[in-house]
C-alpha atoms as a PDB file:
ATOM      1  CA  MET A   1      18.710  -7.865  -4.292  1.00  0.00           C
ATOM      2  CA  ARG A   2      19.489  -4.180  -3.803  1.00  0.00           C
ATOM      3  CA  VAL A   3      18.899  -1.762  -0.939  1.00  0.00           C
ATOM      4  CA  ASP A   4      17.616   1.718  -1.779  1.00  0.00           C
ATOM      5  CA  ALA A   5      17.341   4.759   0.483  1.00  0.00           C
ATOM      6  CA  TYR A   6      14.141   6.812   0.806  1.00  0.00           C
ATOM      7  CA  LEU A   7      13.303   9.976   2.741  1.00  0.00           C
ATOM      8  CA  GLY A   8      16.866  11.170   2.504  1.00  0.00           C
ATOM      9  CA  GLY A   9      18.221   7.997   4.090  1.00  0.00           C
ATOM     10  CA  GLN A  10      15.679   7.722   6.907  1.00  0.00           C
ATOM     11  CA  VAL A  11      14.311   4.522   5.322  1.00  0.00           C
ATOM     12  CA  HIS A  12      16.213   1.716   3.586  1.00  0.00           C
ATOM     13  CA  ILE A  13      14.279  -0.750   1.456  1.00  0.00           C
ATOM     14  CA  ALA A  14      15.504  -4.109   0.213  1.00  0.00           C
ATOM     15  CA  GLN A  15      13.956  -4.958  -3.138  1.00  0.00           C
ATOM     16  CA  PRO A  16      14.662  -6.935  -6.301  1.00  0.00           C
ATOM     17  CA  ALA A  17      17.701  -5.879  -8.302  1.00  0.00           C
ATOM     18  CA  GLN A  18      15.720  -6.396 -11.508  1.00  0.00           C
ATOM     19  CA  GLY A  19      12.054  -6.004 -12.349  1.00  0.00           C
ATOM     20  CA  TYR A  20       9.764  -4.230  -9.914  1.00  0.00           C
ATOM     21  CA  ARG A  21      11.280  -1.484  -7.766  1.00  0.00           C
ATOM     22  CA  ALA A  22       9.441   1.156  -5.776  1.00  0.00           C
ATOM     23  CA  GLY A  23       9.618   4.751  -6.997  1.00  0.00           C
ATOM     24  CA  THR A  24       8.115   7.963  -5.654  1.00  0.00           C
ATOM     25  CA  ASP A  25       4.448   6.896  -5.665  1.00  0.00           C
ATOM     26  CA  PRO A  26       4.538   4.914  -2.401  1.00  0.00           C
ATOM     27  CA  VAL A  27       6.412   7.760  -0.697  1.00  0.00           C
ATOM     28  CA  LEU A  28       3.813  10.289  -1.847  1.00  0.00           C
ATOM     29  CA  VAL A  29       0.758   8.239  -0.901  1.00  0.00           C
ATOM     30  CA  ALA A  30       2.265   7.516   2.530  1.00  0.00           C
ATOM     31  CA  ALA A  31       2.842  11.233   3.074  1.00  0.00           C
ATOM     32  CA  ALA A  32      -0.879  11.879   2.535  1.00  0.00           C
ATOM     33  CA  VAL A  33      -2.138   9.460   5.203  1.00  0.00           C
ATOM     34  CA  PRO A  34      -3.288  11.452   8.288  1.00  0.00           C
ATOM     35  CA  ALA A  35      -2.218   8.815  10.797  1.00  0.00           C
ATOM     36  CA  GLN A  36      -1.400   9.340  14.452  1.00  0.00           C
ATOM     37  CA  ALA A  37       0.560   7.190  16.889  1.00  0.00           C
ATOM     38  CA  GLY A  38      -1.419   4.131  17.926  1.00  0.00           C
ATOM     39  CA  ASP A  39      -3.571   4.011  14.774  1.00  0.00           C
ATOM     40  CA  ARG A  40      -4.116   0.811  12.817  1.00  0.00           C
ATOM     41  CA  VAL A  41      -3.074   1.112   9.164  1.00  0.00           C
ATOM     42  CA  LEU A  42      -3.724  -1.289   6.281  1.00  0.00           C
ATOM     43  CA  GLU A  43      -2.044  -1.160   2.889  1.00  0.00           C
ATOM     44  CA  LEU A  44      -3.585  -3.154   0.059  1.00  0.00           C
ATOM     45  CA  GLY A  45      -0.952  -4.271  -2.442  1.00  0.00           C
ATOM     46  CA  CYS A  46       1.977  -3.254  -0.263  1.00  0.00           C
ATOM     47  CA  GLY A  47       4.694  -4.511  -2.622  1.00  0.00           C
ATOM     48  CA  VAL A  48       8.047  -4.472  -0.819  1.00  0.00           C
ATOM     49  CA  GLY A  49       6.628  -2.290   1.969  1.00  0.00           C
ATOM     50  CA  THR A  50       7.974   1.117   0.931  1.00  0.00           C
ATOM     51  CA  ALA A  51       4.824   3.121   1.698  1.00  0.00           C
ATOM     52  CA  LEU A  52       4.288   1.567   5.117  1.00  0.00           C
ATOM     53  CA  ALA A  53       7.971   2.002   5.985  1.00  0.00           C
ATOM     54  CA  CYS A  54       7.871   5.689   5.033  1.00  0.00           C
ATOM     55  CA  LEU A  55       4.650   6.213   6.971  1.00  0.00           C
ATOM     56  CA  ALA A  56       6.046   4.440  10.039  1.00  0.00           C
ATOM     57  CA  ALA A  57       9.184   6.588   9.882  1.00  0.00           C
ATOM     58  CA  ARG A  58       7.065   9.747   9.933  1.00  0.00           C
ATOM     59  CA  VAL A  59       4.584   8.492  12.569  1.00  0.00           C
ATOM     60  CA  PRO A  60       6.140   6.114  15.117  1.00  0.00           C
ATOM     61  CA  GLY A  61       3.862   3.825  17.083  1.00  0.00           C
ATOM     62  CA  LEU A  62       1.548   2.708  14.272  1.00  0.00           C
ATOM     63  CA  HIS A  63       0.140  -0.808  13.970  1.00  0.00           C
ATOM     64  CA  CYS A  64       0.769  -1.627  10.305  1.00  0.00           C
ATOM     65  CA  THR A  65      -0.614  -4.451   8.170  1.00  0.00           C
ATOM     66  CA  GLY A  66       0.339  -5.014   4.553  1.00  0.00           C
ATOM     67  CA  VAL A  67      -1.391  -7.316   2.079  1.00  0.00           C
ATOM     68  CA  GLU A  68       0.540  -8.439  -1.011  1.00  0.00           C
ATOM     69  CA  ARG A  69      -0.399 -11.219  -3.412  1.00  0.00           C
ATOM     70  CA  VAL A  70       3.081 -11.684  -4.969  1.00  0.00           C
ATOM     71  CA  ALA A  71       4.917 -13.914  -2.519  1.00  0.00           C
ATOM     72  CA  SER A  72       8.404 -12.731  -3.470  1.00  0.00           C
ATOM     73  CA  LEU A  73       7.447  -9.082  -2.887  1.00  0.00           C
ATOM     74  CA  ALA A  74       5.694  -9.946   0.369  1.00  0.00           C
ATOM     75  CA  SER A  75       8.894 -11.586   1.604  1.00  0.00           C
ATOM     76  CA  TYR A  76      10.771  -8.338   0.974  1.00  0.00           C
ATOM     77  CA  ALA A  77       8.050  -6.406   2.802  1.00  0.00           C
ATOM     78  CA  ALA A  78       8.384  -8.702   5.825  1.00  0.00           C
ATOM     79  CA  ARG A  79      12.126  -8.082   5.834  1.00  0.00           C
ATOM     80  CA  ASN A  80      11.712  -4.318   5.481  1.00  0.00           C
ATOM     81  CA  LEU A  81       8.974  -4.110   8.125  1.00  0.00           C
ATOM     82  CA  PRO A  82       9.882  -6.535  10.921  1.00  0.00           C
ATOM     83  CA  ASP A  83       7.350  -4.943  13.302  1.00  0.00           C
ATOM     84  CA  ALA A  84       4.448  -5.032  10.826  1.00  0.00           C
ATOM     85  CA  GLN A  85       2.011  -7.785   9.931  1.00  0.00           C
ATOM     86  CA  ILE A  86       2.616  -8.809   6.305  1.00  0.00           C
ATOM     87  CA  VAL A  87       0.028 -11.105   4.752  1.00  0.00           C
ATOM     88  CA  THR A  88       0.533 -12.912   1.455  1.00  0.00           C
ATOM     89  CA  ALA A  89      -2.951 -12.956  -0.052  1.00  0.00           C
ATOM     90  CA  ASP A  90      -5.158 -11.557  -2.767  1.00  0.00           C
ATOM     91  CA  LEU A  91      -7.373  -8.718  -1.585  1.00  0.00           C
ATOM     92  CA  THR A  92     -10.398 -10.624  -2.891  1.00  0.00           C
ATOM     93  CA  ASP A  93      -9.594 -13.552  -0.575  1.00  0.00           C
ATOM     94  CA  LEU A  94      -8.250 -12.085   2.644  1.00  0.00           C
ATOM     95  CA  PRO A  95      -7.455 -14.350   5.584  1.00  0.00           C
ATOM     96  CA  GLY A  96      -9.627 -14.170   8.674  1.00  0.00           C
ATOM     97  CA  VAL A  97      -7.061 -12.215  10.669  1.00  0.00           C
ATOM     98  CA  VAL A  98      -7.479  -9.271   8.272  1.00  0.00           C
ATOM     99  CA  ARG A  99     -11.226  -9.672   7.653  1.00  0.00           C
ATOM    100  CA  ALA A 100     -11.856  -9.597  11.387  1.00  0.00           C
ATOM    101  CA  ALA A 101     -10.095  -6.248  11.828  1.00  0.00           C
ATOM    102  CA  THR A 102     -10.870  -2.642  10.970  1.00  0.00           C
ATOM    103  CA  TYR A 103      -8.322   0.071  10.400  1.00  0.00           C
ATOM    104  CA  GLN A 104      -8.275   3.823  10.955  1.00  0.00           C
ATOM    105  CA  HIS A 105      -6.449   4.262   7.653  1.00  0.00           C
ATOM    106  CA  VAL A 106      -6.321   2.268   4.428  1.00  0.00           C
ATOM    107  CA  LEU A 107      -3.910   3.170   1.644  1.00  0.00           C
ATOM    108  CA  MET A 108      -3.296   1.699  -1.762  1.00  0.00           C
ATOM    109  CA  ASN A 109      -1.245   2.160  -4.919  1.00  0.00           C
ATOM    110  CA  PRO A 110      -3.070  -0.155  -7.338  1.00  0.00           C
ATOM    111  CA  PRO A 111      -1.556  -1.391 -10.613  1.00  0.00           C
ATOM    112  CA  TYR A 112      -1.806   1.206 -13.368  1.00  0.00           C
ATOM    113  CA  GLN A 113      -1.886  -0.959 -16.460  1.00  0.00           C
ATOM    114  CA  PRO A 114      -5.184  -2.485 -17.651  1.00  0.00           C
ATOM    115  CA  SER A 115      -5.358  -6.251 -18.008  1.00  0.00           C
ATOM    116  CA  HIS A 116      -5.136  -6.083 -21.822  1.00  0.00           C
ATOM    117  CA  ALA A 117      -1.888  -4.057 -21.843  1.00  0.00           C
ATOM    118  CA  PRO A 118       1.214  -5.711 -23.340  1.00  0.00           C
ATOM    119  CA  ALA A 119       3.093  -7.825 -20.817  1.00  0.00           C
ATOM    120  CA  ALA A 120       6.224  -6.399 -19.213  1.00  0.00           C
ATOM    121  CA  PRO A 121       9.400  -8.435 -19.888  1.00  0.00           C
ATOM    122  CA  ASN A 122       9.980  -9.097 -16.190  1.00  0.00           C
ATOM    123  CA  PRO A 123       7.260 -11.286 -14.603  1.00  0.00           C
ATOM    124  CA  THR A 124       7.424  -9.565 -11.205  1.00  0.00           C
ATOM    125  CA  ARG A 125       7.138  -6.110 -12.759  1.00  0.00           C
ATOM    126  CA  ASP A 126       4.227  -7.349 -14.864  1.00  0.00           C
ATOM    127  CA  GLN A 127       2.436  -8.724 -11.801  1.00  0.00           C
ATOM    128  CA  ALA A 128       2.980  -5.473  -9.911  1.00  0.00           C
ATOM    129  CA  ASN A 129       1.783  -3.223 -12.747  1.00  0.00           C
ATOM    130  CA  ARG A 130      -1.021  -5.195 -14.405  1.00  0.00           C
ATOM    131  CA  GLU A 131      -4.573  -4.798 -13.113  1.00  0.00           C
ATOM    132  CA  ASP A 132      -5.923  -8.331 -12.788  1.00  0.00           C
ATOM    133  CA  THR A 133      -8.345  -7.336 -10.023  1.00  0.00           C
ATOM    134  CA  PRO A 134     -10.804  -4.601 -11.130  1.00  0.00           C
ATOM    135  CA  LEU A 135     -10.311  -1.280  -9.383  1.00  0.00           C
ATOM    136  CA  ALA A 136     -13.868  -1.397  -8.037  1.00  0.00           C
ATOM    137  CA  GLN A 137     -12.894  -4.440  -5.964  1.00  0.00           C
ATOM    138  CA  TRP A 138      -9.940  -2.557  -4.472  1.00  0.00           C
ATOM    139  CA  PHE A 139     -12.323   0.146  -3.267  1.00  0.00           C
ATOM    140  CA  ASP A 140     -14.840  -2.387  -2.009  1.00  0.00           C
ATOM    141  CA  CYS A 141     -12.149  -4.108   0.060  1.00  0.00           C
ATOM    142  CA  ALA A 142     -10.807  -0.782   1.350  1.00  0.00           C
ATOM    143  CA  ALA A 143     -14.257   0.401   2.417  1.00  0.00           C
ATOM    144  CA  ARG A 144     -15.034  -2.868   4.198  1.00  0.00           C
ATOM    145  CA  ARG A 145     -11.796  -2.783   6.175  1.00  0.00           C
ATOM    146  CA  CYS A 146     -11.833   0.931   6.983  1.00  0.00           C
ATOM    147  CA  ALA A 147     -13.279   1.950  10.354  1.00  0.00           C
ATOM    148  CA  PRO A 148     -16.155   4.477  10.380  1.00  0.00           C
ATOM    149  CA  GLY A 149     -14.744   7.958  10.007  1.00  0.00           C
ATOM    150  CA  GLY A 150     -11.378   6.592   8.903  1.00  0.00           C
ATOM    151  CA  SER A 151      -9.450   7.578   5.804  1.00  0.00           C
ATOM    152  CA  ILE A 152      -8.893   5.825   2.482  1.00  0.00           C
ATOM    153  CA  THR A 153      -6.000   7.185   0.412  1.00  0.00           C
ATOM    154  CA  VAL A 154      -5.086   6.130  -3.134  1.00  0.00           C
ATOM    155  CA  ILE A 155      -2.673   7.266  -5.852  1.00  0.00           C
ATOM    156  CA  LEU A 156      -3.539   6.653  -9.511  1.00  0.00           C
ATOM    157  CA  PRO A 157      -3.135   8.281 -12.945  1.00  0.00           C
ATOM    158  CA  THR A 158      -5.440  11.204 -13.649  1.00  0.00           C
ATOM    159  CA  TRP A 159      -7.311   9.278 -16.342  1.00  0.00           C
ATOM    160  CA  ARG A 160      -8.643   6.975 -13.630  1.00  0.00           C
ATOM    161  CA  LEU A 161     -10.026   9.735 -11.417  1.00  0.00           C
ATOM    162  CA  GLY A 162     -13.587   9.012 -12.516  1.00  0.00           C
ATOM    163  CA  GLU A 163     -13.209   5.418 -11.305  1.00  0.00           C
ATOM    164  CA  VAL A 164     -11.779   6.669  -8.013  1.00  0.00           C
ATOM    165  CA  LEU A 165     -14.774   8.926  -7.380  1.00  0.00           C
ATOM    166  CA  ALA A 166     -17.108   6.072  -8.337  1.00  0.00           C
ATOM    167  CA  GLY A 167     -15.276   3.820  -5.883  1.00  0.00           C
ATOM    168  CA  PHE A 168     -15.894   6.278  -3.063  1.00  0.00           C
ATOM    169  CA  ALA A 169     -19.520   6.958  -4.027  1.00  0.00           C
ATOM    170  CA  GLY A 170     -22.144   5.893  -1.504  1.00  0.00           C
ATOM    171  CA  ARG A 171     -19.601   4.861   1.120  1.00  0.00           C
ATOM    172  CA  CYS A 172     -17.201   7.753   1.620  1.00  0.00           C
ATOM    173  CA  GLY A 173     -17.335  11.525   1.568  1.00  0.00           C
ATOM    174  CA  ASP A 174     -15.224  14.560   2.409  1.00  0.00           C
ATOM    175  CA  ILE A 175     -13.186  13.694  -0.707  1.00  0.00           C
ATOM    176  CA  THR A 176      -9.959  15.582  -1.368  1.00  0.00           C
ATOM    177  CA  VAL A 177      -8.014  15.320  -4.628  1.00  0.00           C
ATOM    178  CA  LEU A 178      -4.386  16.448  -4.949  1.00  0.00           C
ATOM    179  CA  PRO A 179      -3.101  16.637  -8.557  1.00  0.00           C
ATOM    180  CA  LEU A 180       0.569  15.806  -9.084  1.00  0.00           C
ATOM    181  CA  SER A 181       2.112  17.820 -11.894  1.00  0.00           C
ATOM    182  CA  PRO A 182       5.519  16.759 -13.243  1.00  0.00           C
ATOM    183  CA  ARG A 183       6.647  20.343 -13.951  1.00  0.00           C
ATOM    184  CA  PRO A 184       5.378  23.919 -13.715  1.00  0.00           C
ATOM    185  CA  GLY A 185       2.591  24.560 -16.206  1.00  0.00           C
ATOM    186  CA  GLN A 186       2.246  20.889 -17.204  1.00  0.00           C
ATOM    187  CA  PRO A 187      -0.964  18.876 -16.777  1.00  0.00           C
ATOM    188  CA  ALA A 188      -1.145  16.568 -13.780  1.00  0.00           C
ATOM    189  CA  GLN A 189      -0.340  12.959 -14.610  1.00  0.00           C
ATOM    190  CA  ARG A 190      -1.305  11.426 -11.281  1.00  0.00           C
ATOM    191  CA  VAL A 191      -3.639  12.268  -8.428  1.00  0.00           C
ATOM    192  CA  ILE A 192      -3.732  11.395  -4.756  1.00  0.00           C
ATOM    193  CA  SER A 193      -7.345  11.028  -3.631  1.00  0.00           C
ATOM    194  CA  GLN A 194      -8.521  10.714  -0.048  1.00  0.00           C
ATOM    195  CA  ALA A 195     -11.946  10.219   1.512  1.00  0.00           C
ATOM    196  CA  ARG A 196     -13.452   9.379   4.871  1.00  0.00           C
ATOM    197  CA  LYS A 197     -15.753   6.449   5.377  1.00  0.00           C
ATOM    198  CA  GLY A 198     -19.323   7.318   6.270  1.00  0.00           C
ATOM    199  CA  ARG A 199     -18.728  11.060   6.315  1.00  0.00           C
ATOM    200  CA  ALA A 200     -20.283  13.806   4.238  1.00  0.00           C
ATOM    201  CA  GLY A 201     -18.584  16.855   2.824  1.00  0.00           C
ATOM    202  CA  PRO A 202     -17.955  18.617  -0.474  1.00  0.00           C
ATOM    203  CA  LEU A 203     -15.332  17.476  -2.943  1.00  0.00           C
ATOM    204  CA  ARG A 204     -12.170  19.559  -2.643  1.00  0.00           C
ATOM    205  CA  LEU A 205      -9.656  19.907  -5.484  1.00  0.00           C
ATOM    206  CA  LEU A 206      -6.340  21.168  -4.140  1.00  0.00           C
ATOM    207  CA  ALA A 207      -3.710  23.179  -5.966  1.00  0.00           C
ATOM    208  CA  PRO A 208      -1.261  20.860  -7.759  1.00  0.00           C
ATOM    209  CA  LEU A 209       1.913  19.648  -6.148  1.00  0.00           C
ATOM    210  CA  VAL A 210       4.633  20.332  -8.737  1.00  0.00           C
ATOM    211  CA  LEU A 211       7.239  17.576  -8.460  1.00  0.00           C
ATOM    212  CA  HIS A 212      10.161  18.925 -10.509  1.00  0.00           C
ATOM    213  CA  GLN A 213      11.558  22.379 -11.108  1.00  0.00           C
ATOM    214  CA  GLY A 214      12.652  23.630 -14.506  1.00  0.00           C
ATOM    215  CA  GLU A 215      11.846  22.222 -17.931  1.00  0.00           C
ATOM    216  CA  SER A 216      13.947  19.060 -17.794  1.00  0.00           C
ATOM    217  CA  HIS A 217      16.659  17.209 -15.950  1.00  0.00           C
ATOM    218  CA  ALA A 218      19.220  14.642 -16.971  1.00  0.00           C
ATOM    219  CA  GLU A 219      18.850  12.193 -14.070  1.00  0.00           C
ATOM    220  CA  ASP A 220      15.753  10.458 -12.679  1.00  0.00           C
ATOM    221  CA  ALA A 221      16.515  11.531  -9.125  1.00  0.00           C
ATOM    222  CA  GLY A 222      17.289  15.182  -9.776  1.00  0.00           C
ATOM    223  CA  ALA A 223      15.661  18.598  -9.771  1.00  0.00           C
ATOM    224  CA  PHE A 224      12.789  18.114  -7.346  1.00  0.00           C
ATOM    225  CA  SER A 225      10.830  21.232  -6.486  1.00  0.00           C
ATOM    226  CA  SER A 226      11.266  22.584  -2.968  1.00  0.00           C
ATOM    227  CA  ALA A 227       7.774  21.375  -1.996  1.00  0.00           C
ATOM    228  CA  ALA A 228       8.423  17.876  -3.344  1.00  0.00           C
ATOM    229  CA  GLU A 229      11.852  17.840  -1.702  1.00  0.00           C
ATOM    230  CA  GLU A 230      10.233  18.348   1.697  1.00  0.00           C
ATOM    231  CA  VAL A 231       8.031  15.291   1.175  1.00  0.00           C
ATOM    232  CA  LEU A 232      10.360  12.953  -0.716  1.00  0.00           C
ATOM    233  CA  ARG A 233      13.651  13.760   1.005  1.00  0.00           C
ATOM    234  CA  ARG A 234      12.712  15.065   4.444  1.00  0.00           C
ATOM    235  CA  GLY A 235       9.561  13.083   5.214  1.00  0.00           C
ATOM    236  CA  ALA A 236       7.098  15.976   5.460  1.00  0.00           C
ATOM    237  CA  ALA A 237       3.380  15.196   5.438  1.00  0.00           C
ATOM    238  CA  LEU A 238       0.986  16.173   2.668  1.00  0.00           C
ATOM    239  CA  ARG A 239      -1.827  17.989   4.468  1.00  0.00           C
ATOM    240  CA  MET A 240      -4.918  16.902   2.584  1.00  0.00           C
ATOM    241  CA  SER A 241      -7.806  16.203   4.911  1.00  0.00           C
ATOM    242  CA  ARG A 242      -9.531  17.999   7.715  1.00  0.00           C
ATOM    243  CA  SER A 243      -8.934  16.609  11.189  1.00  0.00           C
ATOM    244  CA  LEU A 244     -10.404  13.148  11.608  1.00  0.00           C
ATOM    245  CA  ASP A 245     -11.970  14.389  14.847  1.00  0.00           C
ATOM    246  CA  THR A 246     -14.257  16.863  13.070  1.00  0.00           C
END
């Protein structure tokens, strides 16, 4: 086990020393959730709980629930989020306590790799990254659990944006897409997409968030842009959606 600091030391996350470890994606998707104190929040595929922990640090007073199918990761999440409800289950077979509830906000960081991709050497990393459950089922579960007018927020590679929009279609509107560009002038590699259940509104494509400054850097943790630094180090929110009251 190792303990890593996020949000400039505001959050400490225990996670496996080898295999799966949370990076910047859960921090970014948490920053995009427009939650307010007292809201109910559900994360599908919560891993070790990094996104929920970052969100709870920014917005105290939330009622957080995380669903994770990998038991070892769920045990870390329960340790990292002692005040949250952590459920070990597959999102296609949720327990009654989750199926009976609705949430003002649902967030998710689904596996990126398709089911036919080569297996990762570490079994836990492979389970966390491989898409065994089709993405359409993630969106179906999110829409069913989201309260009317609530938000659904997801981070995925840009090449899956078409599937994201299809997942929202017919159930959610007021869609906002934030491209994430690794460096100035480079194409976005990931997107954060957010929609509101049962609402109408035009699709909005925001200006990219550039994550790193300069052309290169020698260390994984270095050279964040000033905008990314505010989010990843200081816990600032990503302002994506209109007010949920409008």
